[in-house]
Amino acid sequence: MAGEYRGDKVSQRVILSVSFIGGPRDMRRRYMDAMALVQRFGKPDLFITMTCIPDWPEIQENLCEGQLAQDRPDLVTRVFRAKLKDLKDQIFKKKIFGPVAAHVFVVEFQKRGLPHIHLLIILEQGYKITSADQYDKFISAELPNEEEYPLLHDLVVKHMMHGPCEKYRPTNSCMKDGQCKNHYPRPFSNKSIQGKDGYPIYKRRNDGKTVNVRGTRMNNQWVLPYNPYLLTRYNCHINVESCSGVKAIKYLYKYIYKGHDRCAVYIESDDGEKVVDEIQNFQDARWVSPPEAL
């Protein structure tokens, strides 16, 4: 992770190294470092998640005949790293959200091997998101006008629609005890407001707009919060949320530092007499996908 901030009189830069093959102790150390930034610079303002997709033109145009994206983890990794570098330039150098006091990010890998990042941003004083009126300046949770913004409309439909779940697909992976873990579909709201639990309620007007997504007609209640500029620039799932009012700050940082998935592996030999040694047979193991290794 990395962070940058400016003091009253001098400019300082903090670089905290990242090792992707660390254990729980390393993750705890990084979490404590991040909480030290919060103590110094205040609560985080924005939470961004960006996911690599194999359909990026930079990947598809460089595949050999007959190849799929999963056949070229070197290409997938290089393209995602370039996109991540450009995202950091947009946020930290061009300051599209305002001057950044500090930030942390973690690169994780999905079970299919594709990388994604979680990025928490703390803006400088004077630029922090302090009211619900400022949500609409950076974040939208509605379907854009198809005639006025055709490209953005197609990208929202492709990357930023949740589900469908609930009664439409009760067996979807987000369902737990008959309800969506992500609380979709969200209620309509004529304006953005600060929720009672600190989580924002974004503007989702009941304007009659619907689109067909995976065989289901969906409206603004199913749109994931996004930044129109970043979504258009990167053509991928890039979720932007305001977290300035969230009281459970520790939860946000523990979420991004939860570490990789682990599994217990049972190993048994068919040769000779079977001797059961549970300590020796069960190994705490980890799957490292090719893009992560690269």
C-alpha atoms as a PDB file:
ATOM      1  CA  MET A   1       0.000   0.000   0.000  1.00  0.00           C
ATOM      2  CA  ALA A   2       1.109   3.564  -0.405  1.00  0.00           C
ATOM      3  CA  GLY A   3       0.122   6.927   0.958  1.00  0.00           C
ATOM      4  CA  GLU A   4       0.964  10.523   0.258  1.00  0.00           C
ATOM      5  CA  TYR A   5       0.242  13.597   2.324  1.00  0.00           C
ATOM      6  CA  ARG A   6       1.366  17.175   2.862  1.00  0.00           C
ATOM      7  CA  GLY A   7       2.099  18.647   6.260  1.00  0.00           C
ATOM      8  CA  ASP A   8       1.743  22.287   7.261  1.00  0.00           C
ATOM      9  CA  LYS A   9       5.283  23.241   6.245  1.00  0.00           C
ATOM     10  CA  VAL A  10       6.858  20.330   4.434  1.00  0.00           C
ATOM     11  CA  SER A  11       5.824  17.790   1.840  1.00  0.00           C
ATOM     12  CA  GLN A  12       6.216  14.176   2.916  1.00  0.00           C
ATOM     13  CA  ARG A  13       5.635  10.878   1.187  1.00  0.00           C
ATOM     14  CA  VAL A  14       4.954   7.571   2.905  1.00  0.00           C
ATOM     15  CA  ILE A  15       5.613   4.320   1.062  1.00  0.00           C
ATOM     16  CA  LEU A  16       4.583   1.084   2.783  1.00  0.00           C
ATOM     17  CA  SER A  17       5.719  -2.023   0.964  1.00  0.00           C
ATOM     18  CA  VAL A  18       3.313  -4.731  -0.151  1.00  0.00           C
ATOM     19  CA  SER A  19       3.977  -8.460  -0.144  1.00  0.00           C
ATOM     20  CA  PHE A  20       1.186 -10.518  -1.652  1.00  0.00           C
ATOM     21  CA  ILE A  21       2.343 -13.788  -0.091  1.00  0.00           C
ATOM     22  CA  GLY A  22       2.322 -12.662   3.522  1.00  0.00           C
ATOM     23  CA  GLY A  23       0.472 -14.384   6.310  1.00  0.00           C
ATOM     24  CA  PRO A  24      -2.159 -13.134   8.752  1.00  0.00           C
ATOM     25  CA  ARG A  25       0.518 -11.394  10.811  1.00  0.00           C
ATOM     26  CA  ASP A  26       1.585  -9.287   7.802  1.00  0.00           C
ATOM     27  CA  MET A  27      -2.036  -8.371   7.091  1.00  0.00           C
ATOM     28  CA  ARG A  28      -2.513  -7.327  10.714  1.00  0.00           C
ATOM     29  CA  ARG A  29       0.602  -5.159  10.528  1.00  0.00           C
ATOM     30  CA  ARG A  30      -0.670  -3.416   7.392  1.00  0.00           C
ATOM     31  CA  TYR A  31      -4.059  -2.919   9.035  1.00  0.00           C
ATOM     32  CA  MET A  32      -2.417  -1.247  12.028  1.00  0.00           C
ATOM     33  CA  ASP A  33      -0.384   0.984   9.687  1.00  0.00           C
ATOM     34  CA  ALA A  34      -3.601   2.012   7.930  1.00  0.00           C
ATOM     35  CA  MET A  35      -5.313   2.832  11.240  1.00  0.00           C
ATOM     36  CA  ALA A  36      -2.351   5.057  12.091  1.00  0.00           C
ATOM     37  CA  LEU A  37      -3.084   7.025   8.900  1.00  0.00           C
ATOM     38  CA  VAL A  38      -6.721   7.401  10.005  1.00  0.00           C
ATOM     39  CA  GLN A  39      -5.611   8.658  13.411  1.00  0.00           C
ATOM     40  CA  ARG A  40      -3.397  11.265  11.723  1.00  0.00           C
ATOM     41  CA  PHE A  41      -5.517  12.355   8.723  1.00  0.00           C
ATOM     42  CA  GLY A  42      -9.101  11.494   9.638  1.00  0.00           C
ATOM     43  CA  LYS A  43     -11.757   9.132   8.328  1.00  0.00           C
ATOM     44  CA  PRO A  44     -11.660   7.824   4.749  1.00  0.00           C
ATOM     45  CA  ASP A  45     -13.896   9.564   2.213  1.00  0.00           C
ATOM     46  CA  LEU A  46     -14.068   7.211  -0.779  1.00  0.00           C
ATOM     47  CA  PHE A  47     -13.979   3.442  -1.216  1.00  0.00           C
ATOM     48  CA  ILE A  48     -13.185   2.281  -4.770  1.00  0.00           C
ATOM     49  CA  THR A  49     -13.223  -1.264  -6.132  1.00  0.00           C
ATOM     50  CA  MET A  50     -11.867  -1.895  -9.640  1.00  0.00           C
ATOM     51  CA  THR A  51     -11.980  -5.315 -11.323  1.00  0.00           C
ATOM     52  CA  CYS A  52     -10.003  -6.633 -14.283  1.00  0.00           C
ATOM     53  CA  ILE A  53     -12.088  -7.945 -17.187  1.00  0.00           C
ATOM     54  CA  PRO A  54     -10.781 -10.213 -19.976  1.00  0.00           C
ATOM     55  CA  ASP A  55     -12.762  -8.250 -22.607  1.00  0.00           C
ATOM     56  CA  TRP A  56     -10.506  -5.195 -22.464  1.00  0.00           C
ATOM     57  CA  PRO A  57      -9.386  -4.341 -26.050  1.00  0.00           C
ATOM     58  CA  GLU A  58      -5.755  -4.186 -24.886  1.00  0.00           C
ATOM     59  CA  ILE A  59      -6.039  -7.879 -24.000  1.00  0.00           C
ATOM     60  CA  GLN A  60      -8.196  -9.115 -26.881  1.00  0.00           C
ATOM     61  CA  GLU A  61      -6.168  -7.342 -29.585  1.00  0.00           C
ATOM     62  CA  ASN A  62      -2.927  -8.992 -28.454  1.00  0.00           C
ATOM     63  CA  LEU A  63      -4.136 -12.586 -28.213  1.00  0.00           C
ATOM     64  CA  CYS A  64      -2.819 -15.012 -30.786  1.00  0.00           C
ATOM     65  CA  GLU A  65      -5.228 -16.957 -32.967  1.00  0.00           C
ATOM     66  CA  GLY A  66      -7.209 -19.447 -30.907  1.00  0.00           C
ATOM     67  CA  GLN A  67      -6.089 -18.007 -27.559  1.00  0.00           C
ATOM     68  CA  LEU A  68      -8.345 -16.949 -24.706  1.00  0.00           C
ATOM     69  CA  ALA A  69      -7.521 -14.437 -21.980  1.00  0.00           C
ATOM     70  CA  GLN A  70      -6.863 -17.242 -19.475  1.00  0.00           C
ATOM     71  CA  ASP A  71      -4.126 -18.538 -21.791  1.00  0.00           C
ATOM     72  CA  ARG A  72      -2.149 -15.305 -21.351  1.00  0.00           C
ATOM     73  CA  PRO A  73      -1.856 -14.454 -17.632  1.00  0.00           C
ATOM     74  CA  ASP A  74       1.217 -12.350 -18.462  1.00  0.00           C
ATOM     75  CA  LEU A  75      -0.873 -10.133 -20.745  1.00  0.00           C
ATOM     76  CA  VAL A  76      -3.774  -9.886 -18.275  1.00  0.00           C
ATOM     77  CA  THR A  77      -1.423  -8.924 -15.459  1.00  0.00           C
ATOM     78  CA  ARG A  78       0.419  -6.302 -17.499  1.00  0.00           C
ATOM     79  CA  VAL A  79      -2.763  -4.636 -18.767  1.00  0.00           C
ATOM     80  CA  PHE A  80      -4.331  -4.523 -15.295  1.00  0.00           C
ATOM     81  CA  ARG A  81      -1.164  -3.050 -13.825  1.00  0.00           C
ATOM     82  CA  ALA A  82      -1.173  -0.332 -16.505  1.00  0.00           C
ATOM     83  CA  LYS A  83      -4.831   0.453 -15.785  1.00  0.00           C
ATOM     84  CA  LEU A  84      -4.106   0.619 -12.060  1.00  0.00           C
ATOM     85  CA  LYS A  85      -1.206   2.985 -12.636  1.00  0.00           C
ATOM     86  CA  ASP A  86      -3.432   5.229 -14.743  1.00  0.00           C
ATOM     87  CA  LEU A  87      -6.158   5.152 -12.076  1.00  0.00           C
ATOM     88  CA  LYS A  88      -3.643   6.274  -9.458  1.00  0.00           C
ATOM     89  CA  ASP A  89      -2.476   9.076 -11.755  1.00  0.00           C
ATOM     90  CA  GLN A  90      -6.058  10.268 -12.201  1.00  0.00           C
ATOM     91  CA  ILE A  91      -6.711  10.307  -8.454  1.00  0.00           C
ATOM     92  CA  PHE A  92      -3.371  11.412  -7.008  1.00  0.00           C
ATOM     93  CA  LYS A  93      -1.853  13.576  -9.739  1.00  0.00           C
ATOM     94  CA  LYS A  94      -4.856  14.994 -11.591  1.00  0.00           C
ATOM     95  CA  LYS A  95      -6.840  15.045  -8.326  1.00  0.00           C
ATOM     96  CA  ILE A  96     -10.223  14.313  -9.855  1.00  0.00           C
ATOM     97  CA  PHE A  97     -11.726  13.993  -6.354  1.00  0.00           C
ATOM     98  CA  GLY A  98      -9.550  16.705  -4.820  1.00  0.00           C
ATOM     99  CA  PRO A  99      -6.138  16.599  -3.074  1.00  0.00           C
ATOM    100  CA  VAL A 100      -5.525  13.255  -1.351  1.00  0.00           C
ATOM    101  CA  ALA A 101      -4.035  13.286   2.143  1.00  0.00           C
ATOM    102  CA  ALA A 102      -3.469   9.512   2.397  1.00  0.00           C
ATOM    103  CA  HIS A 103      -4.588   6.285   0.801  1.00  0.00           C
ATOM    104  CA  VAL A 104      -4.199   2.527   1.037  1.00  0.00           C
ATOM    105  CA  PHE A 105      -4.969  -0.148  -1.547  1.00  0.00           C
ATOM    106  CA  VAL A 106      -4.817  -3.925  -1.744  1.00  0.00           C
ATOM    107  CA  VAL A 107      -4.680  -6.104  -4.861  1.00  0.00           C
ATOM    108  CA  GLU A 108      -6.687  -9.315  -4.538  1.00  0.00           C
ATOM    109  CA  PHE A 109      -7.352 -12.172  -6.931  1.00  0.00           C
ATOM    110  CA  GLN A 110     -10.707 -13.742  -7.668  1.00  0.00           C
ATOM    111  CA  LYS A 111     -11.122 -17.496  -7.689  1.00  0.00           C
ATOM    112  CA  ARG A 112     -10.906 -17.378 -11.495  1.00  0.00           C
ATOM    113  CA  GLY A 113      -7.546 -15.637 -11.129  1.00  0.00           C
ATOM    114  CA  LEU A 114      -8.478 -12.141 -12.312  1.00  0.00           C
ATOM    115  CA  PRO A 115      -7.107  -9.301 -10.145  1.00  0.00           C
ATOM    116  CA  HIS A 116      -9.081  -6.503  -8.523  1.00  0.00           C
ATOM    117  CA  ILE A 117      -8.213  -3.741  -6.081  1.00  0.00           C
ATOM    118  CA  HIS A 118      -9.790  -2.154  -3.027  1.00  0.00           C
ATOM    119  CA  LEU A 119      -8.737   1.473  -2.573  1.00  0.00           C
ATOM    120  CA  LEU A 120      -9.546   3.692   0.421  1.00  0.00           C
ATOM    121  CA  ILE A 121      -8.925   7.433   0.032  1.00  0.00           C
ATOM    122  CA  ILE A 122      -8.629  10.114   2.696  1.00  0.00           C
ATOM    123  CA  LEU A 123      -9.034  13.593   1.191  1.00  0.00           C
ATOM    124  CA  GLU A 124      -7.337  16.676   2.576  1.00  0.00           C
ATOM    125  CA  GLN A 125      -9.178  18.985   4.938  1.00  0.00           C
ATOM    126  CA  GLY A 126     -11.342  21.394   2.983  1.00  0.00           C
ATOM    127  CA  TYR A 127     -12.041  18.765   0.326  1.00  0.00           C
ATOM    128  CA  LYS A 128     -13.565  16.047   2.512  1.00  0.00           C
ATOM    129  CA  ILE A 129     -17.071  14.818   1.759  1.00  0.00           C
ATOM    130  CA  THR A 130     -19.023  16.113   4.738  1.00  0.00           C
ATOM    131  CA  SER A 131     -22.638  16.289   3.522  1.00  0.00           C
ATOM    132  CA  ALA A 132     -25.085  14.257   1.475  1.00  0.00           C
ATOM    133  CA  ASP A 133     -25.295  17.088  -1.073  1.00  0.00           C
ATOM    134  CA  GLN A 134     -21.726  16.286  -2.145  1.00  0.00           C
ATOM    135  CA  TYR A 135     -22.479  12.655  -3.046  1.00  0.00           C
ATOM    136  CA  ASP A 136     -23.977  13.589  -6.413  1.00  0.00           C
ATOM    137  CA  LYS A 137     -20.816  15.492  -7.336  1.00  0.00           C
ATOM    138  CA  PHE A 138     -18.782  12.267  -7.533  1.00  0.00           C
ATOM    139  CA  ILE A 139     -21.202   9.337  -7.482  1.00  0.00           C
ATOM    140  CA  SER A 140     -24.240   8.255  -9.480  1.00  0.00           C
ATOM    141  CA  ALA A 141     -26.532   5.287  -8.814  1.00  0.00           C
ATOM    142  CA  GLU A 142     -28.959   5.735 -11.684  1.00  0.00           C
ATOM    143  CA  LEU A 143     -29.274   4.652 -15.290  1.00  0.00           C
ATOM    144  CA  PRO A 144     -28.053   7.539 -17.478  1.00  0.00           C
ATOM    145  CA  ASN A 145     -30.128   8.957 -20.302  1.00  0.00           C
ATOM    146  CA  GLU A 146     -29.598   6.572 -23.228  1.00  0.00           C
ATOM    147  CA  GLU A 147     -30.052   9.229 -25.912  1.00  0.00           C
ATOM    148  CA  GLU A 148     -27.805  11.806 -24.252  1.00  0.00           C
ATOM    149  CA  TYR A 149     -25.107   9.422 -22.963  1.00  0.00           C
ATOM    150  CA  PRO A 150     -25.313   6.220 -25.068  1.00  0.00           C
ATOM    151  CA  LEU A 151     -21.799   4.962 -24.243  1.00  0.00           C
ATOM    152  CA  LEU A 152     -22.159   5.530 -20.493  1.00  0.00           C
ATOM    153  CA  HIS A 153     -25.595   3.908 -20.560  1.00  0.00           C
ATOM    154  CA  ASP A 154     -24.198   0.756 -22.203  1.00  0.00           C
ATOM    155  CA  LEU A 155     -21.326   0.584 -19.709  1.00  0.00           C
ATOM    156  CA  VAL A 156     -23.648   0.892 -16.706  1.00  0.00           C
ATOM    157  CA  VAL A 157     -25.850  -1.891 -18.082  1.00  0.00           C
ATOM    158  CA  LYS A 158     -22.807  -4.084 -18.787  1.00  0.00           C
ATOM    159  CA  HIS A 159     -20.765  -3.558 -15.613  1.00  0.00           C
ATOM    160  CA  MET A 160     -22.790  -1.850 -12.876  1.00  0.00           C
ATOM    161  CA  MET A 161     -26.074  -3.763 -12.539  1.00  0.00           C
ATOM    162  CA  HIS A 162     -26.442  -6.078  -9.562  1.00  0.00           C
ATOM    163  CA  GLY A 163     -28.113  -9.443  -9.818  1.00  0.00           C
ATOM    164  CA  PRO A 164     -30.821 -10.110 -10.549  1.00  0.00           C
ATOM    165  CA  CYS A 165     -31.500 -11.866  -7.265  1.00  0.00           C
ATOM    166  CA  GLU A 166     -34.308 -11.993  -4.677  1.00  0.00           C
ATOM    167  CA  LYS A 167     -37.505 -13.376  -6.251  1.00  0.00           C
ATOM    168  CA  TYR A 168     -35.982 -13.374  -9.744  1.00  0.00           C
ATOM    169  CA  ARG A 169     -33.097 -15.694  -8.853  1.00  0.00           C
ATOM    170  CA  PRO A 170     -33.391 -16.919  -5.247  1.00  0.00           C
ATOM    171  CA  THR A 171     -30.329 -19.193  -5.655  1.00  0.00           C
ATOM    172  CA  ASN A 172     -27.963 -16.368  -6.641  1.00  0.00           C
ATOM    173  CA  SER A 173     -24.620 -16.309  -4.792  1.00  0.00           C
ATOM    174  CA  CYS A 174     -25.514 -13.072  -2.959  1.00  0.00           C
ATOM    175  CA  MET A 175     -28.590 -14.622  -1.331  1.00  0.00           C
ATOM    176  CA  LYS A 176     -28.539 -15.604   2.347  1.00  0.00           C
ATOM    177  CA  ASP A 177     -31.572 -16.668   4.383  1.00  0.00           C
ATOM    178  CA  GLY A 178     -33.842 -15.574   1.555  1.00  0.00           C
ATOM    179  CA  GLN A 179     -32.441 -12.034   1.323  1.00  0.00           C
ATOM    180  CA  CYS A 180     -29.716 -10.315  -0.708  1.00  0.00           C
ATOM    181  CA  LYS A 181     -26.582  -9.755   1.395  1.00  0.00           C
ATOM    182  CA  ASN A 182     -25.962  -6.519  -0.525  1.00  0.00           C
ATOM    183  CA  HIS A 183     -29.501  -5.226   0.159  1.00  0.00           C
ATOM    184  CA  TYR A 184     -30.659  -5.108  -3.450  1.00  0.00           C
ATOM    185  CA  PRO A 185     -32.974  -3.929  -4.828  1.00  0.00           C
ATOM    186  CA  ARG A 186     -32.347  -0.611  -3.051  1.00  0.00           C
ATOM    187  CA  PRO A 187     -35.262   1.713  -2.248  1.00  0.00           C
ATOM    188  CA  PHE A 188     -36.086   4.645  -4.499  1.00  0.00           C
ATOM    189  CA  SER A 189     -34.939   8.056  -3.262  1.00  0.00           C
ATOM    190  CA  ASN A 190     -35.533  11.463  -4.854  1.00  0.00           C
ATOM    191  CA  LYS A 191     -32.257  12.784  -3.456  1.00  0.00           C
ATOM    192  CA  SER A 192     -29.077  11.526  -1.801  1.00  0.00           C
ATOM    193  CA  ILE A 193     -29.240  11.413   2.001  1.00  0.00           C
ATOM    194  CA  GLN A 194     -27.109  10.191   4.878  1.00  0.00           C
ATOM    195  CA  GLY A 195     -28.455   6.915   6.264  1.00  0.00           C
ATOM    196  CA  LYS A 196     -28.981   6.304   9.967  1.00  0.00           C
ATOM    197  CA  ASP A 197     -26.194   3.708  10.072  1.00  0.00           C
ATOM    198  CA  GLY A 198     -23.711   6.069   8.411  1.00  0.00           C
ATOM    199  CA  TYR A 199     -23.983   4.460   4.991  1.00  0.00           C
ATOM    200  CA  PRO A 200     -25.231   6.843   2.274  1.00  0.00           C
ATOM    201  CA  ILE A 201     -28.535   6.446   0.476  1.00  0.00           C
ATOM    202  CA  TYR A 202     -27.858   7.566  -3.080  1.00  0.00           C
ATOM    203  CA  LYS A 203     -30.326   9.286  -5.370  1.00  0.00           C
ATOM    204  CA  ARG A 204     -32.351   6.616  -7.214  1.00  0.00           C
ATOM    205  CA  ARG A 205     -35.382   8.260  -8.735  1.00  0.00           C
ATOM    206  CA  ASN A 206     -38.393   6.288  -9.883  1.00  0.00           C
ATOM    207  CA  ASP A 207     -38.131   7.776 -13.370  1.00  0.00           C
ATOM    208  CA  GLY A 208     -39.499   4.794 -15.278  1.00  0.00           C
ATOM    209  CA  LYS A 209     -36.189   3.834 -16.908  1.00  0.00           C
ATOM    210  CA  THR A 210     -35.695   0.080 -17.241  1.00  0.00           C
ATOM    211  CA  VAL A 211     -33.223  -2.174 -19.047  1.00  0.00           C
ATOM    212  CA  ASN A 212     -33.085  -5.868 -19.809  1.00  0.00           C
ATOM    213  CA  VAL A 213     -30.214  -7.451 -17.858  1.00  0.00           C
ATOM    214  CA  ARG A 214     -29.702 -11.216 -17.896  1.00  0.00           C
ATOM    215  CA  GLY A 215     -33.320 -11.796 -18.865  1.00  0.00           C
ATOM    216  CA  THR A 216     -34.840  -9.490 -16.235  1.00  0.00           C
ATOM    217  CA  ARG A 217     -36.202  -5.947 -16.527  1.00  0.00           C
ATOM    218  CA  MET A 218     -34.257  -3.830 -14.029  1.00  0.00           C
ATOM    219  CA  ASN A 219     -34.470  -0.180 -12.935  1.00  0.00           C
ATOM    220  CA  ASN A 220     -32.444   2.265 -10.822  1.00  0.00           C
ATOM    221  CA  GLN A 221     -32.914   0.093  -7.727  1.00  0.00           C
ATOM    222  CA  TRP A 222     -30.328  -2.364  -9.094  1.00  0.00           C
ATOM    223  CA  VAL A 223     -27.576   0.090 -10.114  1.00  0.00           C
ATOM    224  CA  LEU A 224     -24.248  -0.100  -8.265  1.00  0.00           C
ATOM    225  CA  PRO A 225     -22.796   3.327  -7.334  1.00  0.00           C
ATOM    226  CA  TYR A 226     -20.258   4.509  -9.910  1.00  0.00           C
ATOM    227  CA  ASN A 227     -18.300   7.546 -11.044  1.00  0.00           C
ATOM    228  CA  PRO A 228     -19.272   8.330 -14.681  1.00  0.00           C
ATOM    229  CA  TYR A 229     -15.788   9.561 -15.642  1.00  0.00           C
ATOM    230  CA  LEU A 230     -13.934   6.524 -14.273  1.00  0.00           C
ATOM    231  CA  LEU A 231     -16.462   4.044 -15.668  1.00  0.00           C
ATOM    232  CA  THR A 232     -16.192   5.551 -19.145  1.00  0.00           C
ATOM    233  CA  ARG A 233     -12.401   5.680 -18.967  1.00  0.00           C
ATOM    234  CA  TYR A 234     -11.779   2.093 -17.829  1.00  0.00           C
ATOM    235  CA  ASN A 235     -14.740   0.133 -19.242  1.00  0.00           C
ATOM    236  CA  CYS A 236     -14.915  -2.305 -16.311  1.00  0.00           C
ATOM    237  CA  HIS A 237     -16.654  -2.865 -13.006  1.00  0.00           C
ATOM    238  CA  ILE A 238     -15.466   0.103 -10.932  1.00  0.00           C
ATOM    239  CA  ASN A 239     -17.574   0.738  -7.851  1.00  0.00           C
ATOM    240  CA  VAL A 240     -17.160   4.137  -6.128  1.00  0.00           C
ATOM    241  CA  GLU A 241     -18.760   4.615  -2.695  1.00  0.00           C
ATOM    242  CA  SER A 242     -18.702   7.450  -0.189  1.00  0.00           C
ATOM    243  CA  CYS A 243     -17.678   6.193   3.244  1.00  0.00           C
ATOM    244  CA  SER A 244     -17.190   9.535   5.000  1.00  0.00           C
ATOM    245  CA  GLY A 245     -20.186   8.989   7.276  1.00  0.00           C
ATOM    246  CA  VAL A 246     -19.497   5.356   8.128  1.00  0.00           C
ATOM    247  CA  LYS A 247     -18.920   4.925  11.846  1.00  0.00           C
ATOM    248  CA  ALA A 248     -17.425   1.426  11.628  1.00  0.00           C
ATOM    249  CA  ILE A 249     -14.103   2.602  10.202  1.00  0.00           C
ATOM    250  CA  LYS A 250     -12.230  -0.440  11.488  1.00  0.00           C
ATOM    251  CA  TYR A 251     -14.574  -2.679   9.495  1.00  0.00           C
ATOM    252  CA  LEU A 252     -13.632  -0.959   6.231  1.00  0.00           C
ATOM    253  CA  TYR A 253      -9.927  -1.519   6.767  1.00  0.00           C
ATOM    254  CA  LYS A 254     -10.341  -5.033   8.113  1.00  0.00           C
ATOM    255  CA  TYR A 255     -12.388  -5.795   4.999  1.00  0.00           C
ATOM    256  CA  ILE A 256      -9.581  -4.897   2.598  1.00  0.00           C
ATOM    257  CA  TYR A 257      -6.986  -6.614   4.815  1.00  0.00           C
ATOM    258  CA  LYS A 258      -8.969  -9.815   5.303  1.00  0.00           C
ATOM    259  CA  GLY A 259      -6.295 -11.728   3.398  1.00  0.00           C
ATOM    260  CA  HIS A 260      -6.566 -14.433   0.774  1.00  0.00           C
ATOM    261  CA  ASP A 261      -8.800 -17.490   0.857  1.00  0.00           C
ATOM    262  CA  ARG A 262      -7.302 -20.501   2.609  1.00  0.00           C
ATOM    263  CA  CYS A 263      -8.218 -24.181   2.640  1.00  0.00           C
ATOM    264  CA  ALA A 264      -7.477 -27.394   4.519  1.00  0.00           C
ATOM    265  CA  VAL A 265      -6.221 -30.154   2.217  1.00  0.00           C
ATOM    266  CA  TYR A 266      -6.443 -33.840   3.072  1.00  0.00           C
ATOM    267  CA  ILE A 267      -3.740 -36.019   1.490  1.00  0.00           C
ATOM    268  CA  GLU A 268      -4.059 -39.802   1.429  1.00  0.00           C
ATOM    269  CA  SER A 269      -1.851 -42.454  -0.165  1.00  0.00           C
ATOM    270  CA  ASP A 270      -3.183 -45.706  -1.626  1.00  0.00           C
ATOM    271  CA  ASP A 271       0.188 -47.480  -1.350  1.00  0.00           C
ATOM    272  CA  GLY A 272       0.596 -50.031   1.442  1.00  0.00           C
ATOM    273  CA  GLU A 273      -0.953 -49.831   4.865  1.00  0.00           C
ATOM    274  CA  LYS A 274      -2.835 -46.648   5.677  1.00  0.00           C
ATOM    275  CA  VAL A 275      -1.433 -44.862   8.707  1.00  0.00           C
ATOM    276  CA  VAL A 276      -3.607 -41.966   9.837  1.00  0.00           C
ATOM    277  CA  ASP A 277      -1.562 -38.985  10.968  1.00  0.00           C
ATOM    278  CA  GLU A 278      -3.975 -36.077  11.021  1.00  0.00           C
ATOM    279  CA  ILE A 279      -1.332 -33.451  11.781  1.00  0.00           C
ATOM    280  CA  GLN A 280       0.793 -34.546   8.855  1.00  0.00           C
ATOM    281  CA  ASN A 281      -2.082 -35.137   6.451  1.00  0.00           C
ATOM    282  CA  PHE A 282      -3.834 -31.808   6.873  1.00  0.00           C
ATOM    283  CA  GLN A 283      -1.981 -28.868   5.370  1.00  0.00           C
ATOM    284  CA  ASP A 284      -2.839 -25.196   5.565  1.00  0.00           C
ATOM    285  CA  ALA A 285      -2.596 -24.420   1.865  1.00  0.00           C
ATOM    286  CA  ARG A 286      -3.096 -21.606  -0.582  1.00  0.00           C
ATOM    287  CA  TRP A 287      -3.873 -21.515  -4.283  1.00  0.00           C
ATOM    288  CA  VAL A 288      -1.755 -19.023  -6.210  1.00  0.00           C
ATOM    289  CA  SER A 289      -3.199 -18.375  -9.655  1.00  0.00           C
ATOM    290  CA  PRO A 290      -0.920 -17.572 -12.639  1.00  0.00           C
ATOM    291  CA  PRO A 291      -1.830 -13.831 -12.737  1.00  0.00           C
ATOM    292  CA  GLU A 292      -1.061 -13.533  -9.023  1.00  0.00           C
ATOM    293  CA  ALA A 293       2.267 -15.319  -9.446  1.00  0.00           C
ATOM    294  CA  LEU A 294       3.174 -12.967 -12.285  1.00  0.00           C
END
